[in-house]
């Protein structure tokens, strides 16, 4: 399972690079208040909201996995990723809040919505479903794991650690990028060297969706 934990952390790190998932908001808060404390204060609610979004996707998959076989669940995840990836390629706008002065609860909710809209939870589901299916295959020798319903206990064991590793990778990269941009680069970098990560993210969603049935 070691490679899976590393994959979860790597996915979280990839999410942390995306400015639409938090670090840009943290930098904006820091610049608005004129102190780095605002950047650091934004990181815990951003990470919590991201973790809640991933956890919500996992719980939904766990519930569906009780009534449909693993192979069907993989196709549901695959189609969902393909659809969301297509949407991200067509639409690049993000939801906007009413103002920049938000508290812990508001920033957590914003992070949850952004992570959900970007499909952060969906991206980890192929790995989780594959791990749970592998456990079920081992526990039920002689049965085709892809035709079996996935046990809730398997989701519970795998999802807890996956969310922790994923959120850890996200928090590490989000914090690192936010601090570097705030202290060294400022918004001038964003004015001169902007990369459309929404297009890259949409392509990543589509690629993952296409590969999910093969896991």
Protein backbone atom coordinates (compact mmCIF):
# COMPACT_ATOMS: atom_id res chain seq x y z
CA UNK A 1 0.00 0.00 0.00
CA UNK A 2 3.04 2.33 0.26
CA UNK A 3 2.78 3.43 -3.36
CA UNK A 4 -0.89 4.28 -2.80
CA UNK A 5 -0.12 6.57 0.13
CA UNK A 6 2.55 8.31 -1.92
CA UNK A 7 0.09 8.66 -4.79
CA UNK A 8 -2.50 10.21 -2.47
CA UNK A 9 0.09 12.68 -1.17
CA UNK A 10 1.25 13.49 -4.71
CA UNK A 11 -2.33 14.19 -5.78
CA UNK A 12 -2.73 16.50 -2.80
CA UNK A 13 0.49 18.29 -3.76
CA UNK A 14 -0.84 18.70 -7.29
CA UNK A 15 -4.01 20.24 -5.93
CA UNK A 16 -1.94 22.57 -3.77
CA UNK A 17 -0.19 24.01 -6.84
CA UNK A 18 -3.50 25.13 -8.32
CA UNK A 19 -4.13 28.78 -7.28
CA UNK A 20 -7.87 28.18 -7.54
CA UNK A 21 -7.71 25.79 -4.61
CA UNK A 22 -6.34 28.11 -1.97
CA UNK A 23 -2.86 29.60 -2.06
CA UNK A 24 -3.91 32.61 -4.13
CA UNK A 25 -6.65 33.37 -1.61
CA UNK A 26 -4.15 33.09 1.26
CA UNK A 27 -1.74 35.47 -0.50
CA UNK A 28 -4.55 37.93 -1.20
CA UNK A 29 -5.52 37.93 2.48
CA UNK A 30 -1.91 38.51 3.49
CA UNK A 31 -1.50 41.41 1.06
CA UNK A 32 -4.79 42.91 2.16
CA UNK A 33 -3.86 42.87 5.85
CA UNK A 34 -0.21 43.64 5.17
CA UNK A 35 1.17 40.84 7.33
CA UNK A 36 2.26 37.24 6.86
CA UNK A 37 0.18 36.11 9.83
CA UNK A 38 -2.92 36.34 7.63
CA UNK A 39 -1.34 33.90 5.16
CA UNK A 40 -0.58 31.36 7.89
CA UNK A 41 -4.01 31.84 9.45
CA UNK A 42 -5.68 30.95 6.16
CA UNK A 43 -3.93 27.58 5.79
CA UNK A 44 -5.79 25.47 8.44
CA UNK A 45 -9.32 26.28 7.17
CA UNK A 46 -8.18 25.80 3.58
CA UNK A 47 -6.83 22.34 4.44
CA UNK A 48 -9.94 21.44 6.45
CA UNK A 49 -12.29 22.42 3.64
CA UNK A 50 -10.22 20.42 1.16
CA UNK A 51 -10.23 17.37 3.44
CA UNK A 52 -14.01 17.62 3.90
CA UNK A 53 -14.53 17.74 0.14
CA UNK A 54 -12.39 14.65 -0.40
CA UNK A 55 -14.06 12.87 2.52
CA UNK A 56 -17.53 13.67 1.16
CA UNK A 57 -16.61 12.15 -2.21
CA UNK A 58 -15.23 9.04 -0.53
CA UNK A 59 -18.32 8.60 1.64
CA UNK A 60 -20.55 8.94 -1.42
CA UNK A 61 -18.52 6.32 -3.26
CA UNK A 62 -18.65 4.06 -0.20
CA UNK A 63 -22.45 4.30 -0.10
CA UNK A 64 -22.75 3.58 -3.83
CA UNK A 65 -20.30 0.70 -3.47
CA UNK A 66 -22.75 -1.07 -1.19
CA UNK A 67 -25.32 -1.44 -3.95
CA UNK A 68 -23.32 -1.67 -7.19
CA UNK A 69 -20.36 -3.92 -8.12
CA UNK A 70 -16.83 -2.57 -8.19
CA UNK A 71 -16.65 -2.58 -12.00
CA UNK A 72 -19.83 -0.48 -12.22
CA UNK A 73 -18.52 1.92 -9.58
CA UNK A 74 -15.33 2.40 -11.59
CA UNK A 75 -17.37 3.38 -14.64
CA UNK A 76 -19.45 5.81 -12.57
CA UNK A 77 -16.25 7.47 -11.33
CA UNK A 78 -14.80 7.44 -14.84
CA UNK A 79 -17.82 9.13 -16.42
CA UNK A 80 -17.97 11.68 -13.59
CA UNK A 81 -14.30 12.59 -14.11
CA UNK A 82 -14.74 12.87 -17.87
CA UNK A 83 -17.79 15.09 -17.47
CA UNK A 84 -16.18 17.36 -14.89
CA UNK A 85 -12.99 17.59 -16.94
CA UNK A 86 -15.03 18.69 -19.95
CA UNK A 87 -16.74 21.35 -17.86
CA UNK A 88 -13.40 22.65 -16.55
CA UNK A 89 -12.09 22.96 -20.12
CA UNK A 90 -15.14 24.96 -21.21
CA UNK A 91 -15.64 27.11 -18.12
CA UNK A 92 -12.72 28.75 -16.32
CA UNK A 93 -14.58 30.92 -13.85
CA UNK A 94 -14.52 30.28 -10.11
CA UNK A 95 -17.21 31.02 -7.56
CA UNK A 96 -16.75 34.42 -5.92
CA UNK A 97 -17.37 35.35 -2.31
CA UNK A 98 -18.90 38.61 -1.20
CA UNK A 99 -15.68 39.97 0.30
CA UNK A 100 -12.18 39.10 1.35
CA UNK A 101 -12.72 39.43 5.09
CA UNK A 102 -13.80 35.92 5.94
CA UNK A 103 -13.53 33.93 9.15
CA UNK A 104 -12.49 30.35 9.76
CA UNK A 105 -15.92 28.94 8.92
CA UNK A 106 -16.32 31.00 5.77
CA UNK A 107 -12.87 30.10 4.46
CA UNK A 108 -13.46 26.42 5.23
CA UNK A 109 -16.73 26.53 3.28
CA UNK A 110 -15.04 28.32 0.38
CA UNK A 111 -12.27 25.73 0.26
CA UNK A 112 -14.83 22.90 0.38
CA UNK A 113 -16.75 24.38 -2.56
CA UNK A 114 -13.59 25.01 -4.61
CA UNK A 115 -12.22 21.52 -4.01
CA UNK A 116 -15.60 19.99 -4.87
CA UNK A 117 -15.95 22.10 -8.01
CA UNK A 118 -12.45 21.10 -9.13
CA UNK A 119 -13.16 17.40 -8.54
CA UNK A 120 -10.51 16.95 -5.86
CA UNK A 121 -12.44 14.09 -4.26
CA UNK A 122 -13.14 12.40 -7.57
CA UNK A 123 -9.44 12.31 -8.37
CA UNK A 124 -8.63 10.07 -5.40
CA UNK A 125 -11.53 7.68 -5.94
CA UNK A 126 -9.86 5.50 -8.62
CA UNK A 127 -7.02 4.72 -6.20
CA UNK A 128 -9.38 4.06 -3.28
CA UNK A 129 -11.74 1.85 -5.28
CA UNK A 130 -8.76 -0.11 -6.62
CA UNK A 131 -7.33 -0.62 -3.12
CA UNK A 132 -10.67 -1.69 -1.65
CA UNK A 133 -11.32 -4.03 -4.58
CA UNK A 134 -7.87 -5.57 -4.07
CA UNK A 135 -8.64 -6.18 -0.40
CA UNK A 136 -11.97 -7.74 -1.31
CA UNK A 137 -10.28 -9.99 -3.87
CA UNK A 138 -7.88 -11.25 -1.22
CA UNK A 139 -10.65 -11.84 1.29
CA UNK A 140 -12.90 -13.67 -1.18
CA UNK A 141 -10.69 -16.13 -3.02
CA UNK A 142 -12.49 -17.72 -5.93
CA UNK A 143 -14.73 -14.74 -6.64
CA UNK A 144 -14.23 -12.05 -9.26
CA UNK A 145 -13.53 -8.90 -7.26
CA UNK A 146 -14.78 -6.64 -10.02
CA UNK A 147 -18.24 -8.25 -9.72
CA UNK A 148 -18.37 -7.96 -5.93
CA UNK A 149 -19.86 -5.26 -3.78
CA UNK A 150 -17.17 -3.35 -1.94
CA UNK A 151 -17.29 -3.65 1.87
CA UNK A 152 -17.87 -0.50 3.91
CA UNK A 153 -15.11 -1.59 6.28
CA UNK A 154 -12.65 -1.51 3.39
CA UNK A 155 -13.59 2.06 2.54
CA UNK A 156 -13.29 3.05 6.20
CA UNK A 157 -9.78 1.64 6.54
CA UNK A 158 -8.44 2.99 3.26
CA UNK A 159 -10.24 6.34 3.11
CA UNK A 160 -9.08 7.60 6.51
CA UNK A 161 -5.41 7.30 5.65
CA UNK A 162 -5.92 8.42 2.06
CA UNK A 163 -7.60 11.65 3.17
CA UNK A 164 -4.84 12.29 5.72
CA UNK A 165 -2.01 11.73 3.24
CA UNK A 166 -3.81 13.67 0.52
CA UNK A 167 -4.53 16.64 2.79
CA UNK A 168 -0.97 16.58 4.10
CA UNK A 169 0.42 16.87 0.58
CA UNK A 170 -2.06 19.63 -0.22
CA UNK A 171 -1.29 21.63 2.92
CA UNK A 172 2.48 21.35 2.48
CA UNK A 173 2.47 22.63 -1.10
CA UNK A 174 -0.26 25.24 -0.58
CA UNK A 175 1.58 26.70 2.39
CA UNK A 176 4.96 26.63 0.65
CA UNK A 177 3.69 28.34 -2.51
CA UNK A 178 1.67 30.92 -0.55
CA UNK A 179 4.63 31.90 1.63
CA UNK A 180 7.06 32.12 -1.31
CA UNK A 181 4.67 34.19 -3.41
CA UNK A 182 3.82 36.50 -0.52
CA UNK A 183 7.38 37.13 0.69
CA UNK A 184 9.39 36.90 -2.54
CA UNK A 185 7.26 37.34 -5.60
CA UNK A 186 4.04 39.10 -4.75
CA UNK A 187 1.31 39.56 -7.31
CA UNK A 188 3.75 40.83 -9.95
CA UNK A 189 4.51 37.20 -10.82
CA UNK A 190 0.83 36.55 -11.50
CA UNK A 191 0.70 39.56 -13.84
CA UNK A 192 3.69 38.49 -15.94
CA UNK A 193 3.88 34.67 -15.82
CA UNK A 194 0.33 33.34 -15.51
CA UNK A 195 -0.29 29.73 -16.54
CA UNK A 196 -3.86 28.59 -17.16
CA UNK A 197 -3.91 25.73 -14.67
CA UNK A 198 -7.64 25.26 -15.23
CA UNK A 199 -6.87 23.86 -18.69
CA UNK A 200 -4.17 21.60 -17.27
CA UNK A 201 -6.49 20.48 -14.49
CA UNK A 202 -9.32 19.76 -16.94
CA UNK A 203 -6.97 17.65 -19.02
CA UNK A 204 -5.81 15.78 -15.92
CA UNK A 205 -9.42 14.99 -14.97
CA UNK A 206 -10.17 13.67 -18.45
CA UNK A 207 -6.99 11.56 -18.54
CA UNK A 208 -7.72 10.08 -15.11
CA UNK A 209 -11.31 9.35 -16.11
CA UNK A 210 -10.16 7.57 -19.25
CA UNK A 211 -7.67 5.44 -17.28
CA UNK A 212 -9.94 4.64 -14.32
CA UNK A 213 -11.62 1.54 -15.88
CA UNK A 214 -8.15 0.10 -16.48
CA UNK A 215 -7.09 0.25 -12.80
